[in-house]
Amino acid sequence: MTDINTANQDELDAVEGLRGHGFEIVRYREERGRFTSLRQLDEVPGLSGKLDEATRGQLSV
């Protein structure tokens, strides 16, 4: 399980379904604060509508 509030770019990129998006997730978190829901990942540039339930199942907030 990868916590999207504490994981670094490399840890996020290692998750199947997030590869190549770690930088955007970290930048979003730094600009807007901690995630309160996995649904907020849809607000990250390049991720809207791309995450399936299997990927979300590997993540926590």
C-alpha atoms as a PDB file:
ATOM      1  CA  MET A   1       0.000   0.000   0.000  1.00  0.00           C
ATOM      2  CA  THR A   2       1.388   3.386  -1.003  1.00  0.00           C
ATOM      3  CA  ASP A   3       0.315   6.505   0.890  1.00  0.00           C
ATOM      4  CA  ILE A   4      -0.089   9.302  -1.653  1.00  0.00           C
ATOM      5  CA  ASN A   5       0.517  11.892   1.071  1.00  0.00           C
ATOM      6  CA  THR A   6       3.955  10.613   2.066  1.00  0.00           C
ATOM      7  CA  ALA A   7       5.328   8.784  -0.975  1.00  0.00           C
ATOM      8  CA  ASN A   8       8.047  10.419  -3.028  1.00  0.00           C
ATOM      9  CA  GLN A   9       8.101  10.601  -6.818  1.00  0.00           C
ATOM     10  CA  ASP A  10       9.961   7.300  -7.267  1.00  0.00           C
ATOM     11  CA  GLU A  11       7.607   5.438  -4.925  1.00  0.00           C
ATOM     12  CA  LEU A  12       4.583   6.771  -6.789  1.00  0.00           C
ATOM     13  CA  ASP A  13       6.089   5.942 -10.185  1.00  0.00           C
ATOM     14  CA  ALA A  14       6.607   2.356  -8.986  1.00  0.00           C
ATOM     15  CA  VAL A  15       2.838   1.832  -8.616  1.00  0.00           C
ATOM     16  CA  GLU A  16       1.271   0.148 -11.637  1.00  0.00           C
ATOM     17  CA  GLY A  17      -1.059   2.707 -13.182  1.00  0.00           C
ATOM     18  CA  LEU A  18       0.852   5.739 -11.894  1.00  0.00           C
ATOM     19  CA  ARG A  19       4.102   5.334 -13.807  1.00  0.00           C
ATOM     20  CA  GLY A  20       5.292   8.672 -15.099  1.00  0.00           C
ATOM     21  CA  HIS A  21       2.865  10.656 -12.940  1.00  0.00           C
ATOM     22  CA  GLY A  22       4.778  10.748  -9.653  1.00  0.00           C
ATOM     23  CA  PHE A  23       6.131  14.230 -10.322  1.00  0.00           C
ATOM     24  CA  GLU A  24       2.658  15.665 -10.975  1.00  0.00           C
ATOM     25  CA  ILE A  25       1.225  14.012  -7.849  1.00  0.00           C
ATOM     26  CA  VAL A  26       3.996  15.381  -5.631  1.00  0.00           C
ATOM     27  CA  ARG A  27       3.695  18.848  -7.179  1.00  0.00           C
ATOM     28  CA  TYR A  28      -0.078  18.853  -6.698  1.00  0.00           C
ATOM     29  CA  ARG A  29       0.375  17.834  -3.052  1.00  0.00           C
ATOM     30  CA  GLU A  30       2.990  20.536  -2.453  1.00  0.00           C
ATOM     31  CA  GLU A  31       0.803  23.237  -4.018  1.00  0.00           C
ATOM     32  CA  ARG A  32      -2.567  22.266  -2.523  1.00  0.00           C
ATOM     33  CA  GLY A  33      -1.778  20.317   0.615  1.00  0.00           C
ATOM     34  CA  ARG A  34      -2.485  16.758   1.660  1.00  0.00           C
ATOM     35  CA  PHE A  35      -4.934  14.583  -0.210  1.00  0.00           C
ATOM     36  CA  THR A  36      -8.080  13.798   1.764  1.00  0.00           C
ATOM     37  CA  SER A  37      -9.490  11.312  -0.752  1.00  0.00           C
ATOM     38  CA  LEU A  38      -8.169   9.104  -3.542  1.00  0.00           C
ATOM     39  CA  ARG A  39     -10.750  10.758  -5.807  1.00  0.00           C
ATOM     40  CA  GLN A  40      -8.630  13.924  -5.682  1.00  0.00           C
ATOM     41  CA  LEU A  41      -6.132  12.143  -7.935  1.00  0.00           C
ATOM     42  CA  ASP A  42      -8.568  12.909 -10.766  1.00  0.00           C
ATOM     43  CA  GLU A  43      -7.621  16.582 -10.286  1.00  0.00           C
ATOM     44  CA  VAL A  44      -3.928  15.875 -10.952  1.00  0.00           C
ATOM     45  CA  PRO A  45      -2.990  16.883 -14.512  1.00  0.00           C
ATOM     46  CA  GLY A  46      -2.819  13.821 -16.739  1.00  0.00           C
ATOM     47  CA  LEU A  47      -4.672  11.480 -14.358  1.00  0.00           C
ATOM     48  CA  SER A  48      -8.305  12.470 -14.778  1.00  0.00           C
ATOM     49  CA  GLY A  49     -10.313   9.339 -15.498  1.00  0.00           C
ATOM     50  CA  LYS A  50      -7.223   7.156 -15.974  1.00  0.00           C
ATOM     51  CA  LEU A  51      -7.030   5.333 -12.649  1.00  0.00           C
ATOM     52  CA  ASP A  52      -8.840   2.032 -12.371  1.00  0.00           C
ATOM     53  CA  GLU A  53     -10.004   0.396  -9.164  1.00  0.00           C
ATOM     54  CA  ALA A  54      -6.999  -1.982  -9.133  1.00  0.00           C
ATOM     55  CA  THR A  55      -4.633   0.995  -9.015  1.00  0.00           C
ATOM     56  CA  ARG A  56      -6.717   2.779  -6.389  1.00  0.00           C
ATOM     57  CA  GLY A  57      -6.632  -0.431  -4.345  1.00  0.00           C
ATOM     58  CA  GLN A  58      -2.838  -0.062  -4.030  1.00  0.00           C
ATOM     59  CA  LEU A  59      -3.102   3.466  -2.626  1.00  0.00           C
ATOM     60  CA  SER A  60      -4.077   5.094   0.638  1.00  0.00           C
ATOM     61  CA  VAL A  61      -4.407   8.612   2.051  1.00  0.00           C
END
